[in-house]
Amino acid sequence: MIVGGALVLLLLVFVFRLSYTILVNLVNGRKFHHSLEQEFDKLRLSNMLSALGIDKTRYIYQTNVRDIHQQMKSCSDCSNTDTCDEKLAESDIGVSDIEFCNNEADLKEIKQQQSG
């Protein structure tokens, strides 16, 4: 009876700690993605995604963080900002109209994934 009670107690402790760890990881993941989204919104890349009809939240949650940081770096290092601003000012922009963009290949792939 004592051994059985101890096993039940250990099982309850394990389940509680597992649940707590999962909850903490979910909260930290949401905080991380929120901060990434705020950093992302400061770049033209965010506007480009919107102009192409790509869901930014879906993009941030489904794309590898390393890839997002690389695309953000490519965007911030871009020398075609004037062309980008002109295209973003247009009401209708398609993936075929962004040949100037450093992230053209990635954006085409993302658009295709979200469309299909």
C-alpha atoms as a PDB file:
ATOM      1  CA  MET A   1       0.000   0.000   0.000  1.00  0.00           C
ATOM      2  CA  ILE A   2       2.846   2.401   0.854  1.00  0.00           C
ATOM      3  CA  VAL A   3       4.693   1.536  -2.365  1.00  0.00           C
ATOM      4  CA  GLY A   4       1.499   2.014  -4.376  1.00  0.00           C
ATOM      5  CA  GLY A   5       0.862   5.394  -2.723  1.00  0.00           C
ATOM      6  CA  ALA A   6       4.433   6.467  -3.422  1.00  0.00           C
ATOM      7  CA  LEU A   7       4.096   5.464  -7.082  1.00  0.00           C
ATOM      8  CA  VAL A   8       0.835   7.404  -7.415  1.00  0.00           C
ATOM      9  CA  LEU A   9       2.457  10.429  -5.759  1.00  0.00           C
ATOM     10  CA  LEU A  10       5.467  10.222  -8.103  1.00  0.00           C
ATOM     11  CA  LEU A  11       3.120   9.906 -11.087  1.00  0.00           C
ATOM     12  CA  LEU A  12       1.175  12.988  -9.970  1.00  0.00           C
ATOM     13  CA  VAL A  13       4.405  14.971  -9.519  1.00  0.00           C
ATOM     14  CA  PHE A  14       5.569  13.884 -12.969  1.00  0.00           C
ATOM     15  CA  VAL A  15       2.256  14.849 -14.620  1.00  0.00           C
ATOM     16  CA  PHE A  16       2.203  18.209 -12.817  1.00  0.00           C
ATOM     17  CA  ARG A  17       5.799  19.053 -13.790  1.00  0.00           C
ATOM     18  CA  LEU A  18       5.232  17.957 -17.388  1.00  0.00           C
ATOM     19  CA  SER A  19       2.103  20.104 -17.659  1.00  0.00           C
ATOM     20  CA  TYR A  20       3.901  23.066 -16.110  1.00  0.00           C
ATOM     21  CA  THR A  21       6.872  22.699 -18.482  1.00  0.00           C
ATOM     22  CA  ILE A  22       4.596  22.507 -21.521  1.00  0.00           C
ATOM     23  CA  LEU A  23       2.660  25.589 -20.389  1.00  0.00           C
ATOM     24  CA  VAL A  24       5.858  27.575 -19.780  1.00  0.00           C
ATOM     25  CA  ASN A  25       7.201  26.592 -23.212  1.00  0.00           C
ATOM     26  CA  LEU A  26       3.946  27.670 -24.885  1.00  0.00           C
ATOM     27  CA  VAL A  27       4.020  31.048 -23.123  1.00  0.00           C
ATOM     28  CA  ASN A  28       7.702  31.592 -23.983  1.00  0.00           C
ATOM     29  CA  GLY A  29       7.082  30.579 -27.604  1.00  0.00           C
ATOM     30  CA  ARG A  30       4.252  33.080 -27.939  1.00  0.00           C
ATOM     31  CA  LYS A  31       6.398  35.838 -26.395  1.00  0.00           C
ATOM     32  CA  PHE A  32       9.244  34.987 -28.771  1.00  0.00           C
ATOM     33  CA  HIS A  33       7.005  35.011 -31.845  1.00  0.00           C
ATOM     34  CA  HIS A  34       5.386  38.251 -30.729  1.00  0.00           C
ATOM     35  CA  SER A  35       8.772  39.959 -30.355  1.00  0.00           C
ATOM     36  CA  LEU A  36       9.851  38.548 -33.716  1.00  0.00           C
ATOM     37  CA  GLU A  37       6.685  39.935 -35.295  1.00  0.00           C
ATOM     38  CA  GLN A  38       7.327  43.386 -33.806  1.00  0.00           C
ATOM     39  CA  GLU A  39      10.895  43.365 -35.134  1.00  0.00           C
ATOM     40  CA  PHE A  40       9.631  42.103 -38.475  1.00  0.00           C
ATOM     41  CA  ASP A  41       6.987  44.855 -38.779  1.00  0.00           C
ATOM     42  CA  LYS A  42       9.730  47.505 -38.871  1.00  0.00           C
ATOM     43  CA  LEU A  43      10.982  46.261 -42.261  1.00  0.00           C
ATOM     44  CA  ARG A  44       9.677  46.627 -45.811  1.00  0.00           C
ATOM     45  CA  LEU A  45       9.513  42.837 -45.887  1.00  0.00           C
ATOM     46  CA  SER A  46       6.390  43.001 -43.739  1.00  0.00           C
ATOM     47  CA  ASN A  47       4.735  45.360 -46.217  1.00  0.00           C
ATOM     48  CA  MET A  48       5.867  43.174 -49.104  1.00  0.00           C
ATOM     49  CA  LEU A  49       4.214  40.117 -47.571  1.00  0.00           C
ATOM     50  CA  SER A  50       0.986  42.058 -47.142  1.00  0.00           C
ATOM     51  CA  ALA A  51       1.133  43.389 -50.706  1.00  0.00           C
ATOM     52  CA  LEU A  52       1.613  39.853 -52.039  1.00  0.00           C
ATOM     53  CA  GLY A  53      -1.291  38.552 -49.980  1.00  0.00           C
ATOM     54  CA  ILE A  54       0.869  36.425 -47.695  1.00  0.00           C
ATOM     55  CA  ASP A  55      -0.474  35.961 -44.162  1.00  0.00           C
ATOM     56  CA  LYS A  56       2.260  37.399 -41.907  1.00  0.00           C
ATOM     57  CA  THR A  57       1.198  35.547 -38.776  1.00  0.00           C
ATOM     58  CA  ARG A  58       1.123  32.235 -40.620  1.00  0.00           C
ATOM     59  CA  TYR A  59       4.498  33.077 -42.171  1.00  0.00           C
ATOM     60  CA  ILE A  60       6.072  33.828 -38.784  1.00  0.00           C
ATOM     61  CA  TYR A  61       4.717  30.684 -37.118  1.00  0.00           C
ATOM     62  CA  GLN A  62       5.418  28.291 -40.013  1.00  0.00           C
ATOM     63  CA  THR A  63       8.767  29.519 -41.300  1.00  0.00           C
ATOM     64  CA  ASN A  64      12.037  28.510 -39.690  1.00  0.00           C
ATOM     65  CA  VAL A  65      13.297  31.320 -37.445  1.00  0.00           C
ATOM     66  CA  ARG A  66      16.765  31.103 -39.012  1.00  0.00           C
ATOM     67  CA  ASP A  67      15.188  31.659 -42.447  1.00  0.00           C
ATOM     68  CA  ILE A  68      13.139  34.599 -41.169  1.00  0.00           C
ATOM     69  CA  HIS A  69      16.262  36.234 -39.719  1.00  0.00           C
ATOM     70  CA  GLN A  70      18.110  35.672 -43.009  1.00  0.00           C
ATOM     71  CA  GLN A  71      15.242  37.228 -44.986  1.00  0.00           C
ATOM     72  CA  MET A  72      15.091  40.159 -42.569  1.00  0.00           C
ATOM     73  CA  LYS A  73      18.837  40.680 -42.970  1.00  0.00           C
ATOM     74  CA  SER A  74      18.531  40.524 -46.764  1.00  0.00           C
ATOM     75  CA  CYS A  75      15.757  43.097 -46.601  1.00  0.00           C
ATOM     76  CA  SER A  76      17.621  45.493 -44.323  1.00  0.00           C
ATOM     77  CA  ASP A  77      20.798  45.170 -46.461  1.00  0.00           C
ATOM     78  CA  CYS A  78      18.883  45.864 -49.681  1.00  0.00           C
ATOM     79  CA  SER A  79      20.019  48.647 -51.985  1.00  0.00           C
ATOM     80  CA  ASN A  80      16.773  48.646 -53.991  1.00  0.00           C
ATOM     81  CA  THR A  81      14.671  50.522 -51.440  1.00  0.00           C
ATOM     82  CA  ASP A  82      13.421  53.144 -53.912  1.00  0.00           C
ATOM     83  CA  THR A  83      12.173  50.481 -56.325  1.00  0.00           C
ATOM     84  CA  CYS A  84      10.670  48.563 -53.432  1.00  0.00           C
ATOM     85  CA  ASP A  85       8.821  51.629 -52.154  1.00  0.00           C
ATOM     86  CA  GLU A  86       7.471  52.336 -55.660  1.00  0.00           C
ATOM     87  CA  LYS A  87       6.187  48.772 -56.032  1.00  0.00           C
ATOM     88  CA  LEU A  88       4.688  48.788 -52.539  1.00  0.00           C
ATOM     89  CA  ALA A  89       2.839  52.014 -53.377  1.00  0.00           C
ATOM     90  CA  GLU A  90       1.070  50.233 -56.250  1.00  0.00           C
ATOM     91  CA  SER A  91      -2.278  48.714 -55.389  1.00  0.00           C
ATOM     92  CA  ASP A  92      -1.696  45.433 -57.208  1.00  0.00           C
ATOM     93  CA  ILE A  93       1.671  43.713 -56.952  1.00  0.00           C
ATOM     94  CA  GLY A  94       2.396  40.152 -57.955  1.00  0.00           C
ATOM     95  CA  VAL A  95       5.290  37.818 -57.312  1.00  0.00           C
ATOM     96  CA  SER A  96       6.363  38.323 -60.927  1.00  0.00           C
ATOM     97  CA  ASP A  97       6.859  42.049 -60.182  1.00  0.00           C
ATOM     98  CA  ILE A  98       9.489  41.660 -57.452  1.00  0.00           C
ATOM     99  CA  GLU A  99      12.555  40.701 -59.464  1.00  0.00           C
ATOM    100  CA  PHE A 100      14.456  43.522 -57.715  1.00  0.00           C
ATOM    101  CA  CYS A 101      13.884  41.984 -54.259  1.00  0.00           C
ATOM    102  CA  ASN A 102      16.676  40.145 -52.437  1.00  0.00           C
ATOM    103  CA  ASN A 103      14.036  37.736 -51.094  1.00  0.00           C
ATOM    104  CA  GLU A 104      12.327  37.095 -54.429  1.00  0.00           C
ATOM    105  CA  ALA A 105      12.861  33.310 -54.472  1.00  0.00           C
ATOM    106  CA  ASP A 106      11.785  32.898 -50.841  1.00  0.00           C
ATOM    107  CA  LEU A 107       8.705  35.084 -51.303  1.00  0.00           C
ATOM    108  CA  LYS A 108       7.648  33.141 -54.397  1.00  0.00           C
ATOM    109  CA  GLU A 109       8.003  29.873 -52.477  1.00  0.00           C
ATOM    110  CA  ILE A 110       6.069  31.203 -49.477  1.00  0.00           C
ATOM    111  CA  LYS A 111       3.293  32.540 -51.721  1.00  0.00           C
ATOM    112  CA  GLN A 112       3.060  29.188 -53.483  1.00  0.00           C
ATOM    113  CA  GLN A 113       2.931  27.305 -50.143  1.00  0.00           C
ATOM    114  CA  GLN A 114       0.181  29.509 -48.752  1.00  0.00           C
ATOM    115  CA  SER A 115      -1.808  29.392 -51.987  1.00  0.00           C
ATOM    116  CA  GLY A 116      -1.654  25.630 -52.300  1.00  0.00           C
END
